Amino acid sequence: MLETLFAIALKIFKKLLTNTTNCRILYRMKVTAIIPDNIISEVKQYSHGKNITESLIIALSEWLSLKKIKELNNNIQNNPLEFNNYNAELLRNINRM
């Protein structure tokens, strides 16, 4: 019940804030950064964004995805998955059914 009321309140809150300064403050951040021109040019070239902002969003999103994959790989390397009840012969028999 409380979760439903919260969901309704959140929808109303989002509608009230749509296209307002408060909405922009809540959902994105304006940043001033000193980045060398050659890096910006390469990011624009490889990301194929419409403008610098879109290019940076694409590049940062892909960078974050790669970092998360590397973290998952490290976790699996440190704690490998184990399948105790399966072996090659059992899997072949299952596949032949």
N, C-alpha and C. Protein backbone atom coordinates (compact mmCIF):
# COMPACT_ATOMS: atom_id res chain seq x y z
N MET A 1 0.83 -1.19 0.00
CA MET A 1 0.00 0.00 0.00
C MET A 1 0.87 1.25 0.00
N LEU A 2 1.85 1.27 0.91
CA LEU A 2 2.75 2.41 1.01
C LEU A 2 3.59 2.56 -0.26
N GLU A 3 4.02 1.42 -0.83
CA GLU A 3 4.80 1.46 -2.06
C GLU A 3 3.98 2.03 -3.21
N THR A 4 2.69 1.69 -3.27
CA THR A 4 1.81 2.21 -4.31
C THR A 4 1.64 3.72 -4.17
N LEU A 5 1.43 4.19 -2.96
CA LEU A 5 1.29 5.62 -2.72
C LEU A 5 2.58 6.35 -3.09
N PHE A 6 3.70 5.74 -2.76
CA PHE A 6 4.98 6.34 -3.10
C PHE A 6 5.15 6.43 -4.61
N ALA A 7 4.78 5.39 -5.33
CA ALA A 7 4.88 5.38 -6.79
C ALA A 7 4.00 6.46 -7.40
N ILE A 8 2.80 6.63 -6.89
CA ILE A 8 1.89 7.67 -7.39
C ILE A 8 2.47 9.05 -7.11
N ALA A 9 2.97 9.25 -5.91
CA ALA A 9 3.56 10.54 -5.56
C ALA A 9 4.76 10.85 -6.43
N LEU A 10 5.56 9.85 -6.75
CA LEU A 10 6.72 10.04 -7.60
C LEU A 10 6.31 10.44 -9.01
N LYS A 11 5.24 9.82 -9.54
CA LYS A 11 4.74 10.18 -10.88
C LYS A 11 4.27 11.63 -10.91
N ILE A 12 3.54 12.03 -9.88
CA ILE A 12 3.04 13.41 -9.81
C ILE A 12 4.22 14.37 -9.72
N PHE A 13 5.20 14.02 -8.88
CA PHE A 13 6.38 14.85 -8.70
C PHE A 13 7.13 15.02 -10.02
N LYS A 14 7.28 13.94 -10.78
CA LYS A 14 7.97 14.00 -12.06
C LYS A 14 7.21 14.87 -13.06
N LYS A 15 5.87 14.77 -13.06
CA LYS A 15 5.06 15.59 -13.97
C LYS A 15 5.20 17.07 -13.64
N LEU A 16 5.23 17.38 -12.34
CA LEU A 16 5.36 18.77 -11.93
C LEU A 16 6.71 19.35 -12.32
N LEU A 17 7.74 18.51 -12.31
CA LEU A 17 9.08 19.00 -12.58
C LEU A 17 9.49 18.94 -14.04
N THR A 18 8.68 18.34 -14.89
CA THR A 18 9.05 18.19 -16.30
C THR A 18 9.34 19.56 -16.92
N ASN A 19 10.48 19.64 -17.60
CA ASN A 19 10.92 20.85 -18.30
C ASN A 19 11.05 22.06 -17.37
N THR A 20 11.49 21.83 -16.17
CA THR A 20 11.75 22.94 -15.26
C THR A 20 13.21 22.89 -14.85
N THR A 21 13.66 23.97 -14.25
CA THR A 21 15.04 24.03 -13.77
C THR A 21 15.28 22.93 -12.75
N ASN A 22 14.32 22.70 -11.87
CA ASN A 22 14.49 21.67 -10.85
C ASN A 22 14.66 20.29 -11.47
N CYS A 23 13.93 20.02 -12.53
CA CYS A 23 14.04 18.74 -13.22
C CYS A 23 15.44 18.57 -13.79
N ARG A 24 15.95 19.61 -14.42
CA ARG A 24 17.28 19.53 -14.99
C ARG A 24 18.33 19.36 -13.91
N ILE A 25 18.13 19.97 -12.76
CA ILE A 25 19.07 19.82 -11.65
C ILE A 25 19.04 18.39 -11.13
N LEU A 26 17.87 17.79 -11.05
CA LEU A 26 17.74 16.45 -10.50
C LEU A 26 18.28 15.37 -11.43
N TYR A 27 18.15 15.53 -12.73
CA TYR A 27 18.42 14.44 -13.65
C TYR A 27 19.69 14.58 -14.49
N ARG A 28 20.37 15.70 -14.43
CA ARG A 28 21.63 15.83 -15.15
C ARG A 28 22.49 16.89 -14.49
N MET A 29 23.77 16.86 -14.82
CA MET A 29 24.71 17.77 -14.22
C MET A 29 25.43 18.56 -15.31
N LYS A 30 25.54 19.84 -15.13
CA LYS A 30 26.27 20.67 -16.06
C LYS A 30 27.70 20.77 -15.53
N VAL A 31 28.66 20.47 -16.42
CA VAL A 31 30.05 20.39 -15.99
C VAL A 31 30.92 21.26 -16.89
N THR A 32 31.84 21.97 -16.29
CA THR A 32 32.85 22.67 -17.05
C THR A 32 34.15 21.92 -16.83
N ALA A 33 34.76 21.48 -17.93
CA ALA A 33 36.00 20.72 -17.83
C ALA A 33 36.98 21.20 -18.88
N ILE A 34 38.26 21.20 -18.52
CA ILE A 34 39.30 21.57 -19.46
C ILE A 34 39.85 20.28 -20.04
N ILE A 35 39.47 20.00 -21.30
CA ILE A 35 39.87 18.77 -21.98
C ILE A 35 40.61 19.16 -23.25
N PRO A 36 41.77 18.57 -23.50
CA PRO A 36 42.52 18.92 -24.71
C PRO A 36 41.70 18.67 -25.99
N ASP A 37 41.90 19.55 -26.97
CA ASP A 37 41.15 19.48 -28.23
C ASP A 37 41.35 18.15 -28.95
N ASN A 38 42.56 17.60 -28.90
CA ASN A 38 42.80 16.34 -29.62
C ASN A 38 41.99 15.19 -29.02
N ILE A 39 41.79 15.19 -27.72
CA ILE A 39 40.97 14.14 -27.09
C ILE A 39 39.51 14.31 -27.50
N ILE A 40 39.02 15.54 -27.48
CA ILE A 40 37.64 15.80 -27.89
C ILE A 40 37.44 15.39 -29.35
N SER A 41 38.40 15.70 -30.21
CA SER A 41 38.29 15.34 -31.62
C SER A 41 38.21 13.83 -31.81
N GLU A 42 39.06 13.10 -31.07
CA GLU A 42 39.04 11.64 -31.17
C GLU A 42 37.73 11.06 -30.65
N VAL A 43 37.25 11.60 -29.55
CA VAL A 43 35.98 11.12 -28.98
C VAL A 43 34.85 11.35 -29.98
N LYS A 44 34.80 12.53 -30.59
CA LYS A 44 33.77 12.81 -31.58
C LYS A 44 33.89 11.88 -32.78
N GLN A 45 35.12 11.58 -33.19
CA GLN A 45 35.35 10.72 -34.35
C GLN A 45 34.86 9.31 -34.09
N TYR A 46 35.19 8.75 -32.94
CA TYR A 46 34.86 7.36 -32.66
C TYR A 46 33.44 7.15 -32.14
N SER A 47 32.88 8.15 -31.47
CA SER A 47 31.54 7.97 -30.91
C SER A 47 30.43 8.29 -31.90
N HIS A 48 30.74 9.09 -32.92
CA HIS A 48 29.76 9.50 -33.93
C HIS A 48 28.57 10.24 -33.31
N GLY A 49 28.83 11.00 -32.25
CA GLY A 49 27.77 11.79 -31.63
C GLY A 49 27.43 13.01 -32.48
N LYS A 50 26.24 13.55 -32.26
CA LYS A 50 25.79 14.72 -33.02
C LYS A 50 26.54 15.98 -32.60
N ASN A 51 26.95 16.01 -31.32
CA ASN A 51 27.66 17.17 -30.80
C ASN A 51 28.62 16.69 -29.70
N ILE A 52 29.34 17.62 -29.09
CA ILE A 52 30.33 17.25 -28.08
C ILE A 52 29.66 16.60 -26.88
N THR A 53 28.53 17.13 -26.45
CA THR A 53 27.84 16.57 -25.29
C THR A 53 27.44 15.12 -25.54
N GLU A 54 26.80 14.87 -26.68
CA GLU A 54 26.37 13.51 -26.99
C GLU A 54 27.57 12.58 -27.14
N SER A 55 28.64 13.08 -27.76
CA SER A 55 29.86 12.27 -27.92
C SER A 55 30.44 11.89 -26.57
N LEU A 56 30.48 12.84 -25.64
CA LEU A 56 31.01 12.55 -24.31
C LEU A 56 30.12 11.59 -23.54
N ILE A 57 28.80 11.72 -23.70
CA ILE A 57 27.88 10.80 -23.03
C ILE A 57 28.09 9.38 -23.55
N ILE A 58 28.23 9.24 -24.88
CA ILE A 58 28.46 7.92 -25.47
C ILE A 58 29.78 7.35 -24.97
N ALA A 59 30.84 8.16 -25.01
CA ALA A 59 32.16 7.69 -24.60
C ALA A 59 32.18 7.30 -23.12
N LEU A 60 31.60 8.11 -22.27
CA LEU A 60 31.60 7.80 -20.83
C LEU A 60 30.74 6.58 -20.52
N SER A 61 29.62 6.44 -21.22
CA SER A 61 28.76 5.26 -21.00
C SER A 61 29.49 3.98 -21.40
N GLU A 62 30.18 4.03 -22.54
CA GLU A 62 30.93 2.84 -22.97
C GLU A 62 32.08 2.55 -22.02
N TRP A 63 32.74 3.59 -21.54
CA TRP A 63 33.84 3.40 -20.59
C TRP A 63 33.33 2.75 -19.30
N LEU A 64 32.19 3.23 -18.81
CA LEU A 64 31.60 2.63 -17.61
C LEU A 64 31.23 1.17 -17.84
N SER A 65 30.68 0.86 -19.01
CA SER A 65 30.33 -0.52 -19.33
C SER A 65 31.56 -1.41 -19.33
N LEU A 66 32.64 -0.93 -19.92
CA LEU A 66 33.89 -1.71 -19.94
C LEU A 66 34.43 -1.92 -18.53
N LYS A 67 34.37 -0.89 -17.70
CA LYS A 67 34.84 -1.02 -16.31
C LYS A 67 34.01 -2.06 -15.56
N LYS A 68 32.69 -2.04 -15.77
CA LYS A 68 31.83 -3.01 -15.09
C LYS A 68 32.13 -4.43 -15.56
N ILE A 69 32.39 -4.61 -16.85
CA ILE A 69 32.74 -5.93 -17.38
C ILE A 69 34.06 -6.40 -16.79
N LYS A 70 35.05 -5.50 -16.71
CA LYS A 70 36.34 -5.86 -16.11
C LYS A 70 36.17 -6.26 -14.65
N GLU A 71 35.33 -5.53 -13.94
CA GLU A 71 35.07 -5.85 -12.53
C GLU A 71 34.42 -7.24 -12.39
N LEU A 72 33.45 -7.52 -13.26
CA LEU A 72 32.81 -8.84 -13.24
C LEU A 72 33.81 -9.94 -13.57
N ASN A 73 34.68 -9.69 -14.56
CA ASN A 73 35.70 -10.68 -14.91
C ASN A 73 36.64 -10.94 -13.74
N ASN A 74 37.03 -9.87 -13.04
CA ASN A 74 37.89 -10.04 -11.87
C ASN A 74 37.19 -10.83 -10.77
N ASN A 75 35.90 -10.55 -10.57
CA ASN A 75 35.14 -11.29 -9.55
C ASN A 75 35.06 -12.77 -9.90
N ILE A 76 34.82 -13.07 -11.17
CA ILE A 76 34.73 -14.48 -11.59
C ILE A 76 36.11 -15.15 -11.53
N GLN A 77 37.15 -14.40 -11.83
CA GLN A 77 38.50 -14.96 -11.74
C GLN A 77 38.85 -15.29 -10.29
N ASN A 78 38.45 -14.42 -9.37
CA ASN A 78 38.74 -14.66 -7.95
C ASN A 78 37.81 -15.69 -7.34
N ASN A 79 36.58 -15.76 -7.81
CA ASN A 79 35.58 -16.71 -7.31
C ASN A 79 34.94 -17.41 -8.50
N PRO A 80 35.63 -18.42 -9.08
CA PRO A 80 35.10 -19.06 -10.28
C PRO A 80 33.78 -19.77 -10.04
N LEU A 81 33.00 -19.85 -11.12
CA LEU A 81 31.74 -20.58 -11.05
C LEU A 81 32.04 -22.08 -10.97
N GLU A 82 31.26 -22.77 -10.19
CA GLU A 82 31.45 -24.22 -10.05
C GLU A 82 30.16 -24.93 -10.38
N PHE A 83 30.28 -25.97 -11.18
CA PHE A 83 29.15 -26.82 -11.52
C PHE A 83 29.48 -28.22 -11.05
N ASN A 84 29.02 -28.57 -9.88
CA ASN A 84 29.40 -29.84 -9.26
C ASN A 84 28.64 -31.03 -9.82
N ASN A 85 27.43 -30.84 -10.27
CA ASN A 85 26.59 -31.96 -10.67
C ASN A 85 26.62 -32.26 -12.16
N TYR A 86 27.48 -31.61 -12.91
CA TYR A 86 27.50 -31.80 -14.35
C TYR A 86 28.89 -32.22 -14.82
N ASN A 87 28.89 -33.05 -15.83
CA ASN A 87 30.13 -33.40 -16.51
C ASN A 87 29.82 -33.56 -18.00
N ALA A 88 30.84 -33.75 -18.81
CA ALA A 88 30.66 -33.78 -20.26
C ALA A 88 29.73 -34.91 -20.69
N GLU A 89 29.90 -36.09 -20.10
CA GLU A 89 29.08 -37.24 -20.49
C GLU A 89 27.61 -37.00 -20.16
N LEU A 90 27.32 -36.47 -19.00
CA LEU A 90 25.94 -36.19 -18.60
C LEU A 90 25.30 -35.17 -19.56
N LEU A 91 26.05 -34.11 -19.90
CA LEU A 91 25.52 -33.10 -20.81
C LEU A 91 25.27 -33.67 -22.21
N ARG A 92 26.15 -34.53 -22.68
CA ARG A 92 25.94 -35.17 -24.00
C ARG A 92 24.66 -36.00 -23.98
N ASN A 93 24.44 -36.73 -22.90
CA ASN A 93 23.22 -37.55 -22.79
C ASN A 93 21.97 -36.68 -22.74
N ILE A 94 22.05 -35.58 -22.05
CA ILE A 94 20.91 -34.65 -21.98
C ILE A 94 20.62 -34.09 -23.36
N ASN A 95 21.66 -33.70 -24.08
CA ASN A 95 21.49 -33.11 -25.42
C ASN A 95 20.95 -34.10 -26.44
N ARG A 96 21.22 -35.40 -26.23
CA ARG A 96 20.76 -36.42 -27.17
C ARG A 96 19.30 -36.81 -26.96
N MET A 97 18.72 -36.40 -25.86
CA MET A 97 17.32 -36.76 -25.58
C MET A 97 16.39 -36.04 -26.50
